[in-house]
Amino acid sequence: MLEVVDLRCERGERALFDGLEFKLPAGALLRVAGANGSGKTSLLRILCGLALPARGDVRWQGESIRALREEYHRQLVYIGHAPAVKDELTGRENLAVSCALGGTPADAAVVGAALERVGLDGYADLPARHLSQGQRRRVALARLAACEATALWILDEPFTALDTTAIGCVQEMIAEHLERGGIVVFTSHQEVMGASITAYTIELGG
């Protein structure tokens, strides 16, 4: 279970959100919506432990993530709005590095299969500088296929720059993760998951 208790986030002198509370059990999908500047990315960074709230707590399995630290991060995949892809590395190398840095190293077979899953098998050994924005985004999202055993996925605008085929692939990976009992939190300005998926929604600033 992922639980948020009385969360307040501030930017300068302004509160982006205050008193935010929710609980997500295994198999839950949460869409975080809201206008630009409403605190969507800030909330995701707090959930990941990359930023601290002005007040409140984030708990994983009943314990504060501040106490769990590395143990929590090993159960988490966070993919930010900007794909953390290095131009000088190939798609294959980028994915291997991101898995290792996230605490879930993947062998060559897993990396190759993950890139194939997102439609990049023919581009895996090209330096990322030669990839389109959509292909770079798919390199980042291939981590979901490589680290599917992690319990919690936190995704900032995961469908940005993707074509229809790639969007369908990501939707499929999310649905499979939920069926395994995983939890997914993502931001999006649009309803992008299929009608068969039940999602909770939080509208920041609404």
N, C-alpha and C. Protein backbone atom coordinates (compact mmCIF):
# COMPACT_ATOMS: atom_id res chain seq x y z
N MET A 1 0.84 -1.20 0.00
CA MET A 1 0.00 0.00 0.00
C MET A 1 0.87 1.25 0.00
N LEU A 2 0.50 2.20 -0.84
CA LEU A 2 1.11 3.53 -0.84
C LEU A 2 0.12 4.48 -0.19
N GLU A 3 0.58 5.21 0.80
CA GLU A 3 -0.31 6.08 1.56
C GLU A 3 0.30 7.47 1.69
N VAL A 4 -0.53 8.48 1.48
CA VAL A 4 -0.15 9.88 1.63
C VAL A 4 -0.98 10.46 2.77
N VAL A 5 -0.31 11.13 3.71
CA VAL A 5 -0.97 11.63 4.91
C VAL A 5 -0.74 13.14 5.04
N ASP A 6 -1.81 13.92 4.94
CA ASP A 6 -1.80 15.36 5.22
C ASP A 6 -0.65 16.08 4.52
N LEU A 7 -0.54 15.86 3.21
CA LEU A 7 0.62 16.36 2.47
C LEU A 7 0.41 17.81 2.05
N ARG A 8 1.42 18.61 2.29
CA ARG A 8 1.44 20.01 1.85
C ARG A 8 2.72 20.25 1.05
N CYS A 9 2.57 20.90 -0.08
CA CYS A 9 3.71 21.23 -0.93
C CYS A 9 3.70 22.72 -1.20
N GLU A 10 4.85 23.36 -1.02
CA GLU A 10 4.97 24.80 -1.23
C GLU A 10 6.01 25.11 -2.30
N ARG A 11 5.76 26.17 -3.03
CA ARG A 11 6.75 26.70 -3.97
C ARG A 11 6.88 28.18 -3.66
N GLY A 12 8.03 28.56 -3.09
CA GLY A 12 8.17 29.92 -2.61
C GLY A 12 7.23 30.15 -1.45
N GLU A 13 6.42 31.18 -1.56
CA GLU A 13 5.44 31.50 -0.50
C GLU A 13 4.07 30.90 -0.79
N ARG A 14 3.95 30.16 -1.89
CA ARG A 14 2.63 29.68 -2.32
C ARG A 14 2.49 28.18 -2.09
N ALA A 15 1.33 27.77 -1.59
CA ALA A 15 1.04 26.35 -1.43
C ALA A 15 0.47 25.81 -2.74
N LEU A 16 1.13 24.78 -3.30
CA LEU A 16 0.61 24.14 -4.51
C LEU A 16 -0.57 23.24 -4.17
N PHE A 17 -0.45 22.51 -3.06
CA PHE A 17 -1.57 21.72 -2.55
C PHE A 17 -1.37 21.53 -1.05
N ASP A 18 -2.47 21.26 -0.35
CA ASP A 18 -2.42 21.17 1.11
C ASP A 18 -3.46 20.17 1.58
N GLY A 19 -3.10 19.40 2.61
CA GLY A 19 -4.04 18.44 3.19
C GLY A 19 -4.34 17.26 2.29
N LEU A 20 -3.44 16.96 1.37
CA LEU A 20 -3.68 15.87 0.41
C LEU A 20 -3.51 14.52 1.10
N GLU A 21 -4.52 13.65 0.94
CA GLU A 21 -4.47 12.32 1.55
C GLU A 21 -5.08 11.29 0.60
N PHE A 22 -4.44 10.13 0.49
CA PHE A 22 -5.02 9.01 -0.23
C PHE A 22 -4.28 7.72 0.13
N LYS A 23 -4.94 6.60 -0.14
CA LYS A 23 -4.35 5.28 0.04
C LYS A 23 -4.55 4.48 -1.24
N LEU A 24 -3.48 3.85 -1.72
CA LEU A 24 -3.56 3.03 -2.92
C LEU A 24 -3.18 1.59 -2.57
N PRO A 25 -4.12 0.66 -2.69
CA PRO A 25 -3.81 -0.75 -2.43
C PRO A 25 -3.16 -1.39 -3.64
N ALA A 26 -2.74 -2.62 -3.50
CA ALA A 26 -2.18 -3.38 -4.61
C ALA A 26 -3.15 -3.40 -5.78
N GLY A 27 -2.63 -3.20 -6.99
CA GLY A 27 -3.46 -3.22 -8.18
C GLY A 27 -4.14 -1.91 -8.51
N ALA A 28 -3.79 -0.84 -7.79
CA ALA A 28 -4.45 0.46 -7.99
C ALA A 28 -3.70 1.31 -9.01
N LEU A 29 -4.48 2.10 -9.75
CA LEU A 29 -3.95 3.05 -10.73
C LEU A 29 -4.47 4.44 -10.35
N LEU A 30 -3.55 5.39 -10.20
CA LEU A 30 -3.91 6.76 -9.86
C LEU A 30 -3.42 7.70 -10.94
N ARG A 31 -4.34 8.45 -11.52
CA ARG A 31 -4.00 9.52 -12.47
C ARG A 31 -4.02 10.85 -11.75
N VAL A 32 -2.92 11.58 -11.83
CA VAL A 32 -2.82 12.91 -11.24
C VAL A 32 -3.00 13.92 -12.36
N ALA A 33 -4.05 14.71 -12.26
CA ALA A 33 -4.36 15.71 -13.28
C ALA A 33 -4.26 17.11 -12.69
N GLY A 34 -4.37 18.10 -13.57
CA GLY A 34 -4.31 19.48 -13.11
C GLY A 34 -3.61 20.36 -14.13
N ALA A 35 -3.82 21.64 -14.00
CA ALA A 35 -3.20 22.60 -14.92
C ALA A 35 -1.69 22.65 -14.70
N ASN A 36 -0.99 23.19 -15.69
CA ASN A 36 0.44 23.40 -15.53
C ASN A 36 0.69 24.29 -14.31
N GLY A 37 1.67 23.88 -13.49
CA GLY A 37 1.98 24.66 -12.30
C GLY A 37 1.16 24.29 -11.08
N SER A 38 0.28 23.29 -11.20
CA SER A 38 -0.57 22.91 -10.07
C SER A 38 0.14 21.98 -9.09
N GLY A 39 1.32 21.46 -9.46
CA GLY A 39 2.09 20.64 -8.52
C GLY A 39 2.14 19.17 -8.87
N LYS A 40 1.79 18.80 -10.10
CA LYS A 40 1.77 17.38 -10.46
C LYS A 40 3.16 16.75 -10.34
N THR A 41 4.15 17.36 -10.99
CA THR A 41 5.51 16.82 -10.93
C THR A 41 6.06 16.89 -9.51
N SER A 42 5.74 17.96 -8.79
CA SER A 42 6.20 18.09 -7.39
C SER A 42 5.66 16.94 -6.55
N LEU A 43 4.38 16.58 -6.77
CA LEU A 43 3.80 15.47 -6.02
C LEU A 43 4.53 14.16 -6.34
N LEU A 44 4.81 13.91 -7.61
CA LEU A 44 5.51 12.68 -7.97
C LEU A 44 6.89 12.63 -7.34
N ARG A 45 7.59 13.74 -7.34
CA ARG A 45 8.94 13.77 -6.74
C ARG A 45 8.87 13.53 -5.23
N ILE A 46 7.83 14.02 -4.58
CA ILE A 46 7.65 13.74 -3.15
C ILE A 46 7.37 12.26 -2.94
N LEU A 47 6.51 11.67 -3.80
CA LEU A 47 6.20 10.25 -3.67
C LEU A 47 7.44 9.39 -3.86
N CYS A 48 8.38 9.86 -4.67
CA CYS A 48 9.62 9.11 -4.91
C CYS A 48 10.67 9.33 -3.83
N GLY A 49 10.45 10.32 -2.98
CA GLY A 49 11.46 10.66 -1.99
C GLY A 49 12.54 11.57 -2.53
N LEU A 50 12.32 12.15 -3.71
CA LEU A 50 13.30 13.06 -4.32
C LEU A 50 13.12 14.50 -3.84
N ALA A 51 11.99 14.78 -3.21
CA ALA A 51 11.71 16.10 -2.64
C ALA A 51 10.95 15.90 -1.34
N LEU A 52 11.08 16.85 -0.44
CA LEU A 52 10.40 16.77 0.85
C LEU A 52 9.16 17.65 0.85
N PRO A 53 8.08 17.18 1.46
CA PRO A 53 6.89 18.03 1.59
C PRO A 53 7.09 19.08 2.68
N ALA A 54 6.31 20.15 2.61
CA ALA A 54 6.34 21.14 3.69
C ALA A 54 5.72 20.56 4.95
N ARG A 55 4.80 19.62 4.77
CA ARG A 55 4.16 18.94 5.91
C ARG A 55 3.62 17.62 5.41
N GLY A 56 3.50 16.67 6.31
CA GLY A 56 2.89 15.39 5.97
C GLY A 56 3.91 14.30 5.70
N ASP A 57 3.41 13.15 5.27
CA ASP A 57 4.28 11.99 5.13
C ASP A 57 3.79 11.10 3.99
N VAL A 58 4.73 10.37 3.41
CA VAL A 58 4.43 9.33 2.43
C VAL A 58 4.84 8.00 3.05
N ARG A 59 3.95 7.02 3.02
CA ARG A 59 4.22 5.74 3.67
C ARG A 59 4.08 4.60 2.67
N TRP A 60 4.98 3.64 2.79
CA TRP A 60 4.95 2.44 1.96
C TRP A 60 4.81 1.24 2.89
N GLN A 61 3.75 0.47 2.70
CA GLN A 61 3.46 -0.68 3.57
C GLN A 61 3.43 -0.25 5.04
N GLY A 62 2.91 0.95 5.28
CA GLY A 62 2.72 1.43 6.64
C GLY A 62 3.91 2.13 7.25
N GLU A 63 5.05 2.18 6.58
CA GLU A 63 6.25 2.83 7.11
C GLU A 63 6.61 4.05 6.28
N SER A 64 7.13 5.07 6.93
CA SER A 64 7.55 6.28 6.24
C SER A 64 8.67 5.96 5.25
N ILE A 65 8.57 6.51 4.04
CA ILE A 65 9.63 6.24 3.06
C ILE A 65 10.95 6.86 3.48
N ARG A 66 10.91 7.83 4.38
CA ARG A 66 12.16 8.43 4.87
C ARG A 66 12.96 7.42 5.69
N ALA A 67 12.25 6.52 6.35
CA ALA A 67 12.93 5.48 7.14
C ALA A 67 13.37 4.32 6.26
N LEU A 68 12.60 4.02 5.21
CA LEU A 68 12.90 2.87 4.35
C LEU A 68 14.06 3.14 3.40
N ARG A 69 14.17 4.34 2.89
CA ARG A 69 15.25 4.78 2.01
C ARG A 69 15.51 3.82 0.86
N GLU A 70 16.70 3.16 0.82
CA GLU A 70 17.08 2.31 -0.31
C GLU A 70 16.12 1.15 -0.52
N GLU A 71 15.58 0.61 0.55
CA GLU A 71 14.63 -0.50 0.42
C GLU A 71 13.41 -0.07 -0.39
N TYR A 72 12.94 1.13 -0.14
CA TYR A 72 11.80 1.67 -0.90
C TYR A 72 12.18 1.90 -2.35
N HIS A 73 13.34 2.49 -2.59
CA HIS A 73 13.76 2.82 -3.95
C HIS A 73 13.96 1.59 -4.81
N ARG A 74 14.32 0.46 -4.20
CA ARG A 74 14.48 -0.77 -4.97
C ARG A 74 13.13 -1.32 -5.44
N GLN A 75 12.05 -0.89 -4.81
CA GLN A 75 10.72 -1.35 -5.21
C GLN A 75 10.01 -0.34 -6.11
N LEU A 76 10.75 0.67 -6.58
CA LEU A 76 10.17 1.80 -7.28
C LEU A 76 10.83 2.02 -8.64
N VAL A 77 10.03 2.29 -9.64
CA VAL A 77 10.52 2.81 -10.92
C VAL A 77 9.92 4.19 -11.12
N TYR A 78 10.79 5.19 -11.27
CA TYR A 78 10.34 6.55 -11.54
C TYR A 78 10.86 6.97 -12.91
N ILE A 79 9.95 7.41 -13.78
CA ILE A 79 10.33 7.92 -15.09
C ILE A 79 9.80 9.34 -15.18
N GLY A 80 10.72 10.29 -15.25
CA GLY A 80 10.34 11.70 -15.26
C GLY A 80 9.82 12.16 -16.61
N HIS A 81 9.38 13.40 -16.65
CA HIS A 81 8.82 13.98 -17.87
C HIS A 81 9.85 14.04 -18.99
N ALA A 82 11.08 14.40 -18.64
CA ALA A 82 12.17 14.44 -19.63
C ALA A 82 12.92 13.12 -19.58
N PRO A 83 13.02 12.41 -20.70
CA PRO A 83 13.71 11.11 -20.67
C PRO A 83 15.18 11.29 -20.31
N ALA A 84 15.63 10.59 -19.28
CA ALA A 84 17.03 10.68 -18.84
C ALA A 84 17.88 9.77 -19.73
N VAL A 85 18.08 10.20 -20.97
CA VAL A 85 18.79 9.40 -21.96
C VAL A 85 20.04 10.16 -22.39
N LYS A 86 21.19 9.52 -22.30
CA LYS A 86 22.47 10.14 -22.66
C LYS A 86 22.72 9.99 -24.15
N ASP A 87 23.02 11.11 -24.81
CA ASP A 87 23.21 11.11 -26.26
C ASP A 87 24.30 10.18 -26.74
N GLU A 88 25.37 10.08 -25.95
CA GLU A 88 26.53 9.32 -26.41
C GLU A 88 26.38 7.81 -26.21
N LEU A 89 25.37 7.39 -25.46
CA LEU A 89 25.15 5.96 -25.22
C LEU A 89 24.09 5.43 -26.17
N THR A 90 24.17 4.16 -26.48
CA THR A 90 23.13 3.53 -27.30
C THR A 90 21.87 3.31 -26.45
N GLY A 91 20.79 2.96 -27.13
CA GLY A 91 19.57 2.63 -26.40
C GLY A 91 19.80 1.49 -25.43
N ARG A 92 20.55 0.49 -25.87
CA ARG A 92 20.85 -0.67 -25.02
C ARG A 92 21.65 -0.25 -23.79
N GLU A 93 22.66 0.58 -24.00
CA GLU A 93 23.50 1.03 -22.89
C GLU A 93 22.72 1.94 -21.95
N ASN A 94 21.90 2.82 -22.50
CA ASN A 94 21.09 3.69 -21.65
C ASN A 94 20.17 2.91 -20.74
N LEU A 95 19.52 1.89 -21.28
CA LEU A 95 18.60 1.10 -20.47
C LEU A 95 19.34 0.33 -19.39
N ALA A 96 20.47 -0.27 -19.74
CA ALA A 96 21.25 -1.01 -18.75
C ALA A 96 21.70 -0.10 -17.61
N VAL A 97 22.14 1.11 -17.96
CA VAL A 97 22.60 2.05 -16.93
C VAL A 97 21.45 2.49 -16.04
N SER A 98 20.29 2.82 -16.64
CA SER A 98 19.17 3.29 -15.82
C SER A 98 18.67 2.20 -14.88
N CYS A 99 18.67 0.95 -15.33
CA CYS A 99 18.28 -0.15 -14.45
C CYS A 99 19.25 -0.30 -13.28
N ALA A 100 20.54 -0.22 -13.58
CA ALA A 100 21.56 -0.37 -12.54
C ALA A 100 21.48 0.77 -11.53
N LEU A 101 21.32 2.00 -12.02
CA LEU A 101 21.23 3.15 -11.12
C LEU A 101 19.97 3.08 -10.26
N GLY A 102 18.92 2.46 -10.78
CA GLY A 102 17.68 2.33 -10.03
C GLY A 102 17.70 1.19 -9.04
N GLY A 103 18.81 0.45 -8.98
CA GLY A 103 18.93 -0.65 -8.02
C GLY A 103 18.36 -1.96 -8.47
N THR A 104 18.01 -2.06 -9.78
CA THR A 104 17.47 -3.31 -10.32
C THR A 104 18.24 -3.66 -11.60
N PRO A 105 19.49 -4.10 -11.47
CA PRO A 105 20.31 -4.40 -12.65
C PRO A 105 19.63 -5.44 -13.54
N ALA A 106 19.80 -5.27 -14.86
CA ALA A 106 19.21 -6.18 -15.84
C ALA A 106 20.30 -6.73 -16.73
N ASP A 107 20.24 -8.05 -17.01
CA ASP A 107 21.26 -8.64 -17.88
C ASP A 107 20.93 -8.33 -19.33
N ALA A 108 21.85 -8.73 -20.22
CA ALA A 108 21.72 -8.38 -21.63
C ALA A 108 20.44 -8.91 -22.25
N ALA A 109 20.03 -10.12 -21.86
CA ALA A 109 18.82 -10.71 -22.43
C ALA A 109 17.59 -9.91 -22.03
N VAL A 110 17.52 -9.49 -20.77
CA VAL A 110 16.37 -8.71 -20.28
C VAL A 110 16.33 -7.35 -20.97
N VAL A 111 17.49 -6.71 -21.10
CA VAL A 111 17.56 -5.41 -21.77
C VAL A 111 17.10 -5.53 -23.22
N GLY A 112 17.58 -6.54 -23.92
CA GLY A 112 17.20 -6.74 -25.31
C GLY A 112 15.71 -6.98 -25.46
N ALA A 113 15.15 -7.81 -24.59
CA ALA A 113 13.73 -8.12 -24.65
C ALA A 113 12.88 -6.88 -24.35
N ALA A 114 13.35 -6.05 -23.42
CA ALA A 114 12.60 -4.84 -23.06
C ALA A 114 12.57 -3.85 -24.22
N LEU A 115 13.70 -3.69 -24.89
CA LEU A 115 13.74 -2.78 -26.04
C LEU A 115 12.88 -3.31 -27.18
N GLU A 116 12.87 -4.61 -27.35
CA GLU A 116 12.01 -5.20 -28.37
C GLU A 116 10.54 -4.97 -28.02
N ARG A 117 10.21 -5.06 -26.74
CA ARG A 117 8.83 -4.89 -26.29
C ARG A 117 8.29 -3.51 -26.68
N VAL A 118 9.15 -2.49 -26.63
CA VAL A 118 8.69 -1.14 -26.95
C VAL A 118 8.98 -0.76 -28.41
N GLY A 119 9.36 -1.75 -29.22
CA GLY A 119 9.52 -1.51 -30.64
C GLY A 119 10.84 -0.91 -31.06
N LEU A 120 11.89 -1.12 -30.26
CA LEU A 120 13.19 -0.52 -30.57
C LEU A 120 14.26 -1.55 -30.89
N ASP A 121 13.87 -2.79 -31.18
CA ASP A 121 14.88 -3.82 -31.41
C ASP A 121 15.79 -3.47 -32.58
N GLY A 122 15.30 -2.75 -33.58
CA GLY A 122 16.14 -2.38 -34.72
C GLY A 122 16.98 -1.14 -34.48
N TYR A 123 16.80 -0.49 -33.33
CA TYR A 123 17.51 0.76 -33.02
C TYR A 123 18.34 0.66 -31.74
N ALA A 124 18.41 -0.49 -31.16
CA ALA A 124 19.00 -0.65 -29.83
C ALA A 124 20.47 -0.25 -29.77
N ASP A 125 21.18 -0.39 -30.87
CA ASP A 125 22.62 -0.13 -30.85
C ASP A 125 23.00 1.19 -31.52
N LEU A 126 22.01 2.04 -31.78
CA LEU A 126 22.29 3.38 -32.28
C LEU A 126 22.53 4.32 -31.10
N PRO A 127 23.50 5.23 -31.21
CA PRO A 127 23.63 6.26 -30.18
C PRO A 127 22.33 7.05 -30.07
N ALA A 128 21.96 7.41 -28.87
CA ALA A 128 20.67 8.06 -28.65
C ALA A 128 20.54 9.38 -29.39
N ARG A 129 21.66 10.02 -29.74
CA ARG A 129 21.59 11.28 -30.47
C ARG A 129 20.93 11.12 -31.84
N HIS A 130 20.92 9.89 -32.35
CA HIS A 130 20.32 9.64 -33.66
C HIS A 130 18.85 9.22 -33.57
N LEU A 131 18.31 9.17 -32.37
CA LEU A 131 16.92 8.74 -32.19
C LEU A 131 15.99 9.94 -32.15
N SER A 132 14.76 9.74 -32.58
CA SER A 132 13.74 10.79 -32.49
C SER A 132 13.31 10.96 -31.04
N GLN A 133 12.55 12.02 -30.77
CA GLN A 133 12.05 12.24 -29.41
C GLN A 133 11.18 11.08 -28.95
N GLY A 134 10.35 10.56 -29.83
CA GLY A 134 9.51 9.43 -29.46
C GLY A 134 10.32 8.18 -29.17
N GLN A 135 11.38 7.95 -29.95
CA GLN A 135 12.23 6.79 -29.71
C GLN A 135 13.01 6.94 -28.41
N ARG A 136 13.47 8.14 -28.11
CA ARG A 136 14.17 8.38 -26.84
C ARG A 136 13.21 8.13 -25.67
N ARG A 137 11.97 8.53 -25.85
CA ARG A 137 10.99 8.31 -24.79
C ARG A 137 10.77 6.81 -24.59
N ARG A 138 10.76 6.07 -25.68
CA ARG A 138 10.57 4.62 -25.58
C ARG A 138 11.76 3.95 -24.91
N VAL A 139 12.97 4.47 -25.12
CA VAL A 139 14.14 3.93 -24.39
C VAL A 139 13.91 4.06 -22.89
N ALA A 140 13.45 5.23 -22.46
CA ALA A 140 13.19 5.44 -21.02
C ALA A 140 12.09 4.50 -20.52
N LEU A 141 11.01 4.38 -21.30
CA LEU A 141 9.88 3.56 -20.88
C LEU A 141 10.16 2.06 -20.95
N ALA A 142 11.19 1.67 -21.70
CA ALA A 142 11.56 0.25 -21.74
C ALA A 142 11.95 -0.27 -20.37
N ARG A 143 12.28 0.64 -19.48
CA ARG A 143 12.63 0.23 -18.11
C ARG A 143 11.45 -0.45 -17.42
N LEU A 144 10.23 -0.11 -17.83
CA LEU A 144 9.06 -0.77 -17.25
C LEU A 144 9.07 -2.25 -17.59
N ALA A 145 9.44 -2.59 -18.81
CA ALA A 145 9.50 -3.99 -19.22
C ALA A 145 10.69 -4.70 -18.57
N ALA A 146 11.80 -3.97 -18.38
CA ALA A 146 12.99 -4.59 -17.80
C ALA A 146 12.86 -4.77 -16.29
N CYS A 147 12.04 -3.94 -15.64
CA CYS A 147 11.92 -3.96 -14.18
C CYS A 147 10.47 -4.23 -13.77
N GLU A 148 9.82 -5.15 -14.47
CA GLU A 148 8.40 -5.37 -14.22
C GLU A 148 8.11 -5.94 -12.83
N ALA A 149 9.13 -6.50 -12.17
CA ALA A 149 8.91 -7.08 -10.85
C ALA A 149 8.84 -6.02 -9.75
N THR A 150 9.25 -4.77 -10.04
CA THR A 150 9.14 -3.72 -9.04
C THR A 150 7.67 -3.45 -8.75
N ALA A 151 7.37 -3.07 -7.51
CA ALA A 151 5.97 -2.97 -7.08
C ALA A 151 5.30 -1.66 -7.47
N LEU A 152 6.06 -0.58 -7.54
CA LEU A 152 5.47 0.76 -7.70
C LEU A 152 6.09 1.47 -8.90
N TRP A 153 5.23 1.90 -9.82
CA TRP A 153 5.66 2.70 -10.97
C TRP A 153 5.11 4.11 -10.82
N ILE A 154 5.99 5.11 -10.91
CA ILE A 154 5.60 6.51 -10.85
C ILE A 154 6.06 7.16 -12.15
N LEU A 155 5.11 7.63 -12.95
CA LEU A 155 5.40 8.03 -14.32
C LEU A 155 4.87 9.45 -14.58
N ASP A 156 5.77 10.33 -15.00
CA ASP A 156 5.41 11.72 -15.28
C ASP A 156 5.17 11.88 -16.78
N GLU A 157 3.91 12.08 -17.17
CA GLU A 157 3.52 12.24 -18.57
C GLU A 157 4.12 11.13 -19.46
N PRO A 158 3.85 9.87 -19.16
CA PRO A 158 4.51 8.78 -19.89
C PRO A 158 4.14 8.69 -21.37
N PHE A 159 3.02 9.31 -21.78
CA PHE A 159 2.57 9.17 -23.16
C PHE A 159 3.03 10.31 -24.07
N THR A 160 3.79 11.27 -23.51
CA THR A 160 4.27 12.39 -24.29
C THR A 160 5.19 11.92 -25.41
N ALA A 161 5.01 12.45 -26.60
CA ALA A 161 5.86 12.21 -27.79
C ALA A 161 5.71 10.82 -28.37
N LEU A 162 4.75 10.03 -27.90
CA LEU A 162 4.58 8.67 -28.40
C LEU A 162 3.52 8.63 -29.50
N ASP A 163 3.73 7.73 -30.47
CA ASP A 163 2.69 7.50 -31.48
C ASP A 163 1.66 6.52 -30.93
N THR A 164 0.64 6.27 -31.73
CA THR A 164 -0.47 5.43 -31.27
C THR A 164 -0.01 4.03 -30.88
N THR A 165 0.90 3.45 -31.66
CA THR A 165 1.39 2.11 -31.37
C THR A 165 2.13 2.07 -30.04
N ALA A 166 2.99 3.05 -29.80
CA ALA A 166 3.76 3.10 -28.56
C ALA A 166 2.85 3.35 -27.36
N ILE A 167 1.85 4.21 -27.54
CA ILE A 167 0.89 4.45 -26.45
C ILE A 167 0.19 3.14 -26.08
N GLY A 168 -0.21 2.38 -27.08
CA GLY A 168 -0.85 1.09 -26.81
C GLY A 168 0.06 0.14 -26.06
N CYS A 169 1.35 0.16 -26.41
CA CYS A 169 2.32 -0.70 -25.73
C CYS A 169 2.45 -0.33 -24.25
N VAL A 170 2.54 0.96 -23.97
CA VAL A 170 2.66 1.41 -22.57
C VAL A 170 1.38 1.10 -21.80
N GLN A 171 0.23 1.32 -22.41
CA GLN A 171 -1.03 0.97 -21.77
C GLN A 171 -1.07 -0.52 -21.42
N GLU A 172 -0.59 -1.34 -22.31
CA GLU A 172 -0.57 -2.78 -22.09
C GLU A 172 0.35 -3.15 -20.93
N MET A 173 1.54 -2.53 -20.87
CA MET A 173 2.47 -2.81 -19.77
C MET A 173 1.88 -2.39 -18.43
N ILE A 174 1.19 -1.24 -18.42
CA ILE A 174 0.56 -0.78 -17.18
C ILE A 174 -0.54 -1.75 -16.75
N ALA A 175 -1.36 -2.18 -17.69
CA ALA A 175 -2.45 -3.11 -17.36
C ALA A 175 -1.89 -4.41 -16.80
N GLU A 176 -0.82 -4.93 -17.38
CA GLU A 176 -0.20 -6.17 -16.90
C GLU A 176 0.36 -5.96 -15.50
N HIS A 177 0.96 -4.79 -15.25
CA HIS A 177 1.52 -4.51 -13.93
C HIS A 177 0.43 -4.48 -12.87
N LEU A 178 -0.71 -3.88 -13.20
CA LEU A 178 -1.83 -3.85 -12.26
C LEU A 178 -2.35 -5.25 -11.98
N GLU A 179 -2.40 -6.09 -13.00
CA GLU A 179 -2.86 -7.47 -12.82
C GLU A 179 -1.92 -8.25 -11.90
N ARG A 180 -0.63 -7.89 -11.91
CA ARG A 180 0.33 -8.55 -11.02
C ARG A 180 0.24 -8.03 -9.59
N GLY A 181 -0.60 -7.03 -9.36
CA GLY A 181 -0.73 -6.45 -8.02
C GLY A 181 0.14 -5.24 -7.82
N GLY A 182 0.73 -4.72 -8.89
CA GLY A 182 1.53 -3.51 -8.79
C GLY A 182 0.67 -2.27 -8.65
N ILE A 183 1.30 -1.15 -8.33
CA ILE A 183 0.64 0.14 -8.19
C ILE A 183 1.26 1.09 -9.20
N VAL A 184 0.43 1.89 -9.86
CA VAL A 184 0.91 2.87 -10.83
C VAL A 184 0.33 4.24 -10.50
N VAL A 185 1.20 5.24 -10.44
CA VAL A 185 0.79 6.64 -10.32
C VAL A 185 1.35 7.37 -11.53
N PHE A 186 0.50 8.07 -12.27
CA PHE A 186 1.00 8.78 -13.44
C PHE A 186 0.30 10.11 -13.60
N THR A 187 0.96 11.04 -14.27
CA THR A 187 0.35 12.32 -14.61
C THR A 187 -0.03 12.30 -16.08
N SER A 188 -1.14 12.97 -16.39
CA SER A 188 -1.56 13.12 -17.77
C SER A 188 -2.66 14.16 -17.82
N HIS A 189 -2.64 14.95 -18.89
CA HIS A 189 -3.70 15.92 -19.11
C HIS A 189 -4.95 15.27 -19.71
N GLN A 190 -4.80 14.02 -20.17
CA GLN A 190 -5.89 13.37 -20.87
C GLN A 190 -6.18 12.00 -20.27
N GLU A 191 -7.39 11.53 -20.48
CA GLU A 191 -7.76 10.16 -20.12
C GLU A 191 -7.17 9.24 -21.20
N VAL A 192 -6.15 8.48 -20.86
CA VAL A 192 -5.46 7.70 -21.89
C VAL A 192 -5.54 6.19 -21.65
N MET A 193 -6.01 5.77 -20.51
CA MET A 193 -6.12 4.34 -20.25
C MET A 193 -7.45 3.82 -20.79
N GLY A 194 -7.46 2.55 -21.16
CA GLY A 194 -8.66 1.95 -21.73
C GLY A 194 -9.81 1.90 -20.74
N ALA A 195 -11.00 1.72 -21.26
CA ALA A 195 -12.20 1.71 -20.43
C ALA A 195 -12.23 0.53 -19.47
N SER A 196 -11.45 -0.53 -19.78
CA SER A 196 -11.44 -1.70 -18.92
C SER A 196 -10.61 -1.50 -17.66
N ILE A 197 -9.84 -0.40 -17.61
CA ILE A 197 -8.98 -0.12 -16.46
C ILE A 197 -9.69 0.88 -15.54
N THR A 198 -9.84 0.52 -14.28
CA THR A 198 -10.43 1.43 -13.30
C THR A 198 -9.32 2.26 -12.67
N ALA A 199 -9.43 3.58 -12.79
CA ALA A 199 -8.40 4.47 -12.28
C ALA A 199 -9.00 5.48 -11.31
N TYR A 200 -8.28 5.75 -10.23
CA TYR A 200 -8.60 6.86 -9.37
C TYR A 200 -8.00 8.12 -10.02
N THR A 201 -8.60 9.26 -9.76
CA THR A 201 -8.07 10.51 -10.30
C THR A 201 -8.03 11.55 -9.19
N ILE A 202 -6.90 12.28 -9.14
CA ILE A 202 -6.76 13.45 -8.28
C ILE A 202 -6.57 14.64 -9.20
N GLU A 203 -7.38 15.68 -8.99
CA GLU A 203 -7.28 16.90 -9.78
C GLU A 203 -6.66 17.97 -8.88
N LEU A 204 -5.38 18.24 -9.07
CA LEU A 204 -4.71 19.27 -8.26
C LEU A 204 -5.18 20.65 -8.72
N GLY A 205 -5.48 21.48 -7.75
CA GLY A 205 -5.98 22.81 -8.06
C GLY A 205 -7.44 22.82 -8.42
N GLY A 206 -8.07 21.64 -8.37
CA GLY A 206 -9.49 21.55 -8.75
C GLY A 206 -10.40 21.53 -7.54
